[in-house]
Protein backbone atom coordinates (compact mmCIF):
# COMPACT_ATOMS: atom_id res chain seq x y z
CA UNK A 1 0.00 0.00 0.00
CA UNK A 2 1.36 3.40 -0.93
CA UNK A 3 0.15 6.69 0.44
CA UNK A 4 0.85 9.58 -1.89
CA UNK A 5 -1.27 12.59 -1.04
CA UNK A 6 -0.65 15.50 -3.36
CA UNK A 7 -2.29 18.84 -2.84
CA UNK A 8 -2.26 21.21 -5.78
CA UNK A 9 -3.23 24.85 -6.24
CA UNK A 10 -2.83 27.33 -9.06
CA UNK A 11 0.11 29.72 -8.76
CA UNK A 12 -1.23 33.04 -10.05
CA UNK A 13 2.24 34.25 -11.09
CA UNK A 14 3.17 31.28 -13.28
CA UNK A 15 -0.30 29.85 -14.03
CA UNK A 16 1.00 26.41 -12.93
CA UNK A 17 -0.16 24.08 -10.22
CA UNK A 18 1.99 23.90 -7.09
CA UNK A 19 1.86 21.88 -3.87
CA UNK A 20 -0.04 23.28 -0.94
CA UNK A 21 -0.66 21.94 2.54
CA UNK A 22 -3.88 23.95 2.90
CA UNK A 23 -6.11 21.94 0.57
CA UNK A 24 -8.69 19.28 1.27
CA UNK A 25 -7.20 15.78 0.89
CA UNK A 26 -9.05 12.59 -0.04
CA UNK A 27 -7.50 9.13 0.20
CA UNK A 28 -8.92 6.10 -1.64
CA UNK A 29 -7.67 2.55 -1.35
CA UNK A 30 -9.03 -0.73 -2.68
CA UNK A 31 -8.07 -2.43 0.56
CA UNK A 32 -9.09 -6.03 -0.33
CA UNK A 33 -9.83 -6.98 3.26
CA UNK A 34 -9.51 -4.30 5.91
CA UNK A 35 -9.44 -6.33 9.12
CA UNK A 36 -5.92 -7.70 8.61
CA UNK A 37 -4.52 -4.41 7.26
CA UNK A 38 -5.45 -1.86 9.94
CA UNK A 39 -1.88 -1.40 11.20
CA UNK A 40 -0.46 -1.07 7.70
CA UNK A 41 -3.15 1.46 6.79
CA UNK A 42 -2.57 3.53 9.92
CA UNK A 43 1.19 3.53 9.38
CA UNK A 44 0.88 4.60 5.75
CA UNK A 45 -1.30 7.60 6.65
CA UNK A 46 0.77 8.82 9.62
CA UNK A 47 1.61 11.68 10.20
CA UNK A 48 -0.09 13.52 7.32
CA UNK A 49 -3.67 12.30 7.71
CA UNK A 50 -6.17 13.03 4.97
CA UNK A 51 -9.56 14.64 5.53
CA UNK A 52 -11.56 11.84 3.88
CA UNK A 53 -10.58 8.19 3.64
CA UNK A 54 -12.58 5.96 1.30
CA UNK A 55 -11.92 2.22 1.45
CA UNK A 56 -13.39 -0.22 -1.04
CA UNK A 57 -13.56 -4.01 -0.89
CA UNK A 58 -13.32 -3.95 2.92
CA UNK A 59 -14.90 -7.46 3.21
CA UNK A 60 -16.52 -6.62 6.57
CA UNK A 61 -20.03 -7.09 7.90
CA UNK A 62 -22.17 -4.22 9.19
CA UNK A 63 -21.40 -4.76 12.89
CA UNK A 64 -17.66 -5.13 12.15
CA UNK A 65 -17.53 -1.72 10.43
CA UNK A 66 -19.40 -0.07 13.31
CA UNK A 67 -16.91 -1.44 15.84
CA UNK A 68 -13.75 -0.82 13.83
CA UNK A 69 -11.31 1.43 15.72
CA UNK A 70 -9.72 3.86 13.27
CA UNK A 71 -7.51 6.40 15.06
CA UNK A 72 -8.32 10.06 14.30
CA UNK A 73 -11.31 9.16 12.07
CA UNK A 74 -15.03 8.69 12.50
CA UNK A 75 -17.23 6.57 10.27
CA UNK A 76 -19.11 8.78 7.81
CA UNK A 77 -20.84 6.19 5.63
CA UNK A 78 -20.75 2.49 4.89
CA UNK A 79 -22.05 -0.11 2.50
CA UNK A 80 -21.75 -3.86 2.76
CA UNK A 81 -23.24 -6.78 0.88
CA UNK A 82 -26.18 -8.55 2.47
CA UNK A 83 -26.28 -11.60 0.23
CA UNK A 84 -22.77 -12.01 -1.12
CA UNK A 85 -19.36 -12.43 0.43
CA UNK A 86 -16.69 -9.70 0.35
CA UNK A 87 -17.02 -6.27 -1.26
CA UNK A 88 -18.24 -3.14 0.47
CA UNK A 89 -17.29 0.51 0.86
CA UNK A 90 -16.68 2.63 3.95
CA UNK A 91 -15.90 6.30 4.20
CA UNK A 92 -14.12 7.75 7.20
CA UNK A 93 -13.97 11.45 8.04
CA UNK A 94 -11.07 12.94 9.98
CA UNK A 95 -12.19 13.87 13.50
CA UNK A 96 -11.34 17.55 12.92
CA UNK A 97 -13.72 17.82 9.93
CA UNK A 98 -17.32 18.80 10.72
CA UNK A 99 -19.96 16.86 8.80
CA UNK A 100 -23.48 15.57 9.14
CA UNK A 101 -24.57 12.14 7.99
CA UNK A 102 -27.56 11.49 5.76
CA UNK A 103 -29.12 8.04 5.67
CA UNK A 104 -29.40 6.75 2.12
CA UNK A 105 -31.11 3.49 3.15
CA UNK A 106 -34.45 4.53 1.70
CA UNK A 107 -32.80 5.14 -1.69
CA UNK A 108 -30.88 1.85 -1.91
C-alpha atoms as a PDB file:
ATOM      1  CA  UNK A   1       0.000   0.000   0.000  1.00  0.00           C
ATOM      2  CA  UNK A   2       1.364   3.397  -0.932  1.00  0.00           C
ATOM      3  CA  UNK A   3       0.155   6.689   0.436  1.00  0.00           C
ATOM      4  CA  UNK A   4       0.847   9.578  -1.890  1.00  0.00           C
ATOM      5  CA  UNK A   5      -1.267  12.594  -1.039  1.00  0.00           C
ATOM      6  CA  UNK A   6      -0.648  15.495  -3.356  1.00  0.00           C
ATOM      7  CA  UNK A   7      -2.287  18.842  -2.844  1.00  0.00           C
ATOM      8  CA  UNK A   8      -2.263  21.212  -5.783  1.00  0.00           C
ATOM      9  CA  UNK A   9      -3.226  24.847  -6.243  1.00  0.00           C
ATOM     10  CA  UNK A  10      -2.829  27.331  -9.055  1.00  0.00           C
ATOM     11  CA  UNK A  11       0.111  29.724  -8.763  1.00  0.00           C
ATOM     12  CA  UNK A  12      -1.229  33.040 -10.048  1.00  0.00           C
ATOM     13  CA  UNK A  13       2.240  34.255 -11.089  1.00  0.00           C
ATOM     14  CA  UNK A  14       3.174  31.284 -13.281  1.00  0.00           C
ATOM     15  CA  UNK A  15      -0.298  29.846 -14.033  1.00  0.00           C
ATOM     16  CA  UNK A  16       1.005  26.409 -12.933  1.00  0.00           C
ATOM     17  CA  UNK A  17      -0.163  24.077 -10.220  1.00  0.00           C
ATOM     18  CA  UNK A  18       1.989  23.899  -7.086  1.00  0.00           C
ATOM     19  CA  UNK A  19       1.860  21.884  -3.870  1.00  0.00           C
ATOM     20  CA  UNK A  20      -0.036  23.282  -0.935  1.00  0.00           C
ATOM     21  CA  UNK A  21      -0.658  21.941   2.540  1.00  0.00           C
ATOM     22  CA  UNK A  22      -3.879  23.947   2.896  1.00  0.00           C
ATOM     23  CA  UNK A  23      -6.115  21.940   0.566  1.00  0.00           C
ATOM     24  CA  UNK A  24      -8.695  19.281   1.266  1.00  0.00           C
ATOM     25  CA  UNK A  25      -7.200  15.777   0.894  1.00  0.00           C
ATOM     26  CA  UNK A  26      -9.046  12.591  -0.036  1.00  0.00           C
ATOM     27  CA  UNK A  27      -7.496   9.132   0.199  1.00  0.00           C
ATOM     28  CA  UNK A  28      -8.916   6.099  -1.638  1.00  0.00           C
ATOM     29  CA  UNK A  29      -7.669   2.546  -1.351  1.00  0.00           C
ATOM     30  CA  UNK A  30      -9.025  -0.727  -2.679  1.00  0.00           C
ATOM     31  CA  UNK A  31      -8.065  -2.428   0.557  1.00  0.00           C
ATOM     32  CA  UNK A  32      -9.095  -6.027  -0.330  1.00  0.00           C
ATOM     33  CA  UNK A  33      -9.830  -6.982   3.257  1.00  0.00           C
ATOM     34  CA  UNK A  34      -9.510  -4.301   5.908  1.00  0.00           C
ATOM     35  CA  UNK A  35      -9.438  -6.330   9.120  1.00  0.00           C
ATOM     36  CA  UNK A  36      -5.921  -7.698   8.614  1.00  0.00           C
ATOM     37  CA  UNK A  37      -4.524  -4.409   7.265  1.00  0.00           C
ATOM     38  CA  UNK A  38      -5.451  -1.865   9.938  1.00  0.00           C
ATOM     39  CA  UNK A  39      -1.879  -1.404  11.204  1.00  0.00           C
ATOM     40  CA  UNK A  40      -0.459  -1.068   7.705  1.00  0.00           C
ATOM     41  CA  UNK A  41      -3.155   1.461   6.789  1.00  0.00           C
ATOM     42  CA  UNK A  42      -2.566   3.527   9.916  1.00  0.00           C
ATOM     43  CA  UNK A  43       1.195   3.534   9.379  1.00  0.00           C
ATOM     44  CA  UNK A  44       0.881   4.602   5.749  1.00  0.00           C
ATOM     45  CA  UNK A  45      -1.299   7.602   6.655  1.00  0.00           C
ATOM     46  CA  UNK A  46       0.767   8.819   9.616  1.00  0.00           C
ATOM     47  CA  UNK A  47       1.608  11.682  10.202  1.00  0.00           C
ATOM     48  CA  UNK A  48      -0.092  13.517   7.317  1.00  0.00           C
ATOM     49  CA  UNK A  49      -3.665  12.300   7.714  1.00  0.00           C
ATOM     50  CA  UNK A  50      -6.173  13.027   4.967  1.00  0.00           C
ATOM     51  CA  UNK A  51      -9.555  14.641   5.532  1.00  0.00           C
ATOM     52  CA  UNK A  52     -11.564  11.842   3.884  1.00  0.00           C
ATOM     53  CA  UNK A  53     -10.583   8.185   3.645  1.00  0.00           C
ATOM     54  CA  UNK A  54     -12.583   5.957   1.303  1.00  0.00           C
ATOM     55  CA  UNK A  55     -11.920   2.223   1.452  1.00  0.00           C
ATOM     56  CA  UNK A  56     -13.392  -0.216  -1.043  1.00  0.00           C
ATOM     57  CA  UNK A  57     -13.558  -4.006  -0.886  1.00  0.00           C
ATOM     58  CA  UNK A  58     -13.325  -3.947   2.921  1.00  0.00           C
ATOM     59  CA  UNK A  59     -14.899  -7.461   3.211  1.00  0.00           C
ATOM     60  CA  UNK A  60     -16.523  -6.616   6.566  1.00  0.00           C
ATOM     61  CA  UNK A  61     -20.032  -7.086   7.899  1.00  0.00           C
ATOM     62  CA  UNK A  62     -22.170  -4.220   9.192  1.00  0.00           C
ATOM     63  CA  UNK A  63     -21.404  -4.755  12.894  1.00  0.00           C
ATOM     64  CA  UNK A  64     -17.661  -5.129  12.148  1.00  0.00           C
ATOM     65  CA  UNK A  65     -17.527  -1.724  10.428  1.00  0.00           C
ATOM     66  CA  UNK A  66     -19.397  -0.070  13.311  1.00  0.00           C
ATOM     67  CA  UNK A  67     -16.911  -1.440  15.844  1.00  0.00           C
ATOM     68  CA  UNK A  68     -13.754  -0.824  13.835  1.00  0.00           C
ATOM     69  CA  UNK A  69     -11.308   1.429  15.718  1.00  0.00           C
ATOM     70  CA  UNK A  70      -9.718   3.864  13.271  1.00  0.00           C
ATOM     71  CA  UNK A  71      -7.513   6.398  15.057  1.00  0.00           C
ATOM     72  CA  UNK A  72      -8.321  10.058  14.302  1.00  0.00           C
ATOM     73  CA  UNK A  73     -11.307   9.155  12.074  1.00  0.00           C
ATOM     74  CA  UNK A  74     -15.034   8.687  12.501  1.00  0.00           C
ATOM     75  CA  UNK A  75     -17.234   6.568  10.272  1.00  0.00           C
ATOM     76  CA  UNK A  76     -19.105   8.776   7.812  1.00  0.00           C
ATOM     77  CA  UNK A  77     -20.837   6.194   5.635  1.00  0.00           C
ATOM     78  CA  UNK A  78     -20.754   2.491   4.894  1.00  0.00           C
ATOM     79  CA  UNK A  79     -22.055  -0.110   2.500  1.00  0.00           C
ATOM     80  CA  UNK A  80     -21.749  -3.860   2.760  1.00  0.00           C
ATOM     81  CA  UNK A  81     -23.243  -6.775   0.876  1.00  0.00           C
ATOM     82  CA  UNK A  82     -26.182  -8.552   2.474  1.00  0.00           C
ATOM     83  CA  UNK A  83     -26.280 -11.596   0.227  1.00  0.00           C
ATOM     84  CA  UNK A  84     -22.773 -12.011  -1.117  1.00  0.00           C
ATOM     85  CA  UNK A  85     -19.363 -12.429   0.427  1.00  0.00           C
ATOM     86  CA  UNK A  86     -16.692  -9.704   0.354  1.00  0.00           C
ATOM     87  CA  UNK A  87     -17.024  -6.270  -1.262  1.00  0.00           C
ATOM     88  CA  UNK A  88     -18.241  -3.142   0.470  1.00  0.00           C
ATOM     89  CA  UNK A  89     -17.295   0.513   0.857  1.00  0.00           C
ATOM     90  CA  UNK A  90     -16.683   2.628   3.952  1.00  0.00           C
ATOM     91  CA  UNK A  91     -15.900   6.303   4.196  1.00  0.00           C
ATOM     92  CA  UNK A  92     -14.115   7.745   7.202  1.00  0.00           C
ATOM     93  CA  UNK A  93     -13.972  11.452   8.037  1.00  0.00           C
ATOM     94  CA  UNK A  94     -11.067  12.944   9.983  1.00  0.00           C
ATOM     95  CA  UNK A  95     -12.190  13.870  13.498  1.00  0.00           C
ATOM     96  CA  UNK A  96     -11.338  17.555  12.922  1.00  0.00           C
ATOM     97  CA  UNK A  97     -13.724  17.820   9.934  1.00  0.00           C
ATOM     98  CA  UNK A  98     -17.320  18.797  10.716  1.00  0.00           C
ATOM     99  CA  UNK A  99     -19.957  16.859   8.795  1.00  0.00           C
ATOM    100  CA  UNK A 100     -23.481  15.567   9.136  1.00  0.00           C
ATOM    101  CA  UNK A 101     -24.570  12.135   7.989  1.00  0.00           C
ATOM    102  CA  UNK A 102     -27.555  11.493   5.762  1.00  0.00           C
ATOM    103  CA  UNK A 103     -29.117   8.042   5.668  1.00  0.00           C
ATOM    104  CA  UNK A 104     -29.399   6.751   2.120  1.00  0.00           C
ATOM    105  CA  UNK A 105     -31.107   3.488   3.148  1.00  0.00           C
ATOM    106  CA  UNK A 106     -34.452   4.527   1.698  1.00  0.00           C
ATOM    107  CA  UNK A 107     -32.803   5.139  -1.691  1.00  0.00           C
ATOM    108  CA  UNK A 108     -30.883   1.848  -1.906  1.00  0.00           C
END
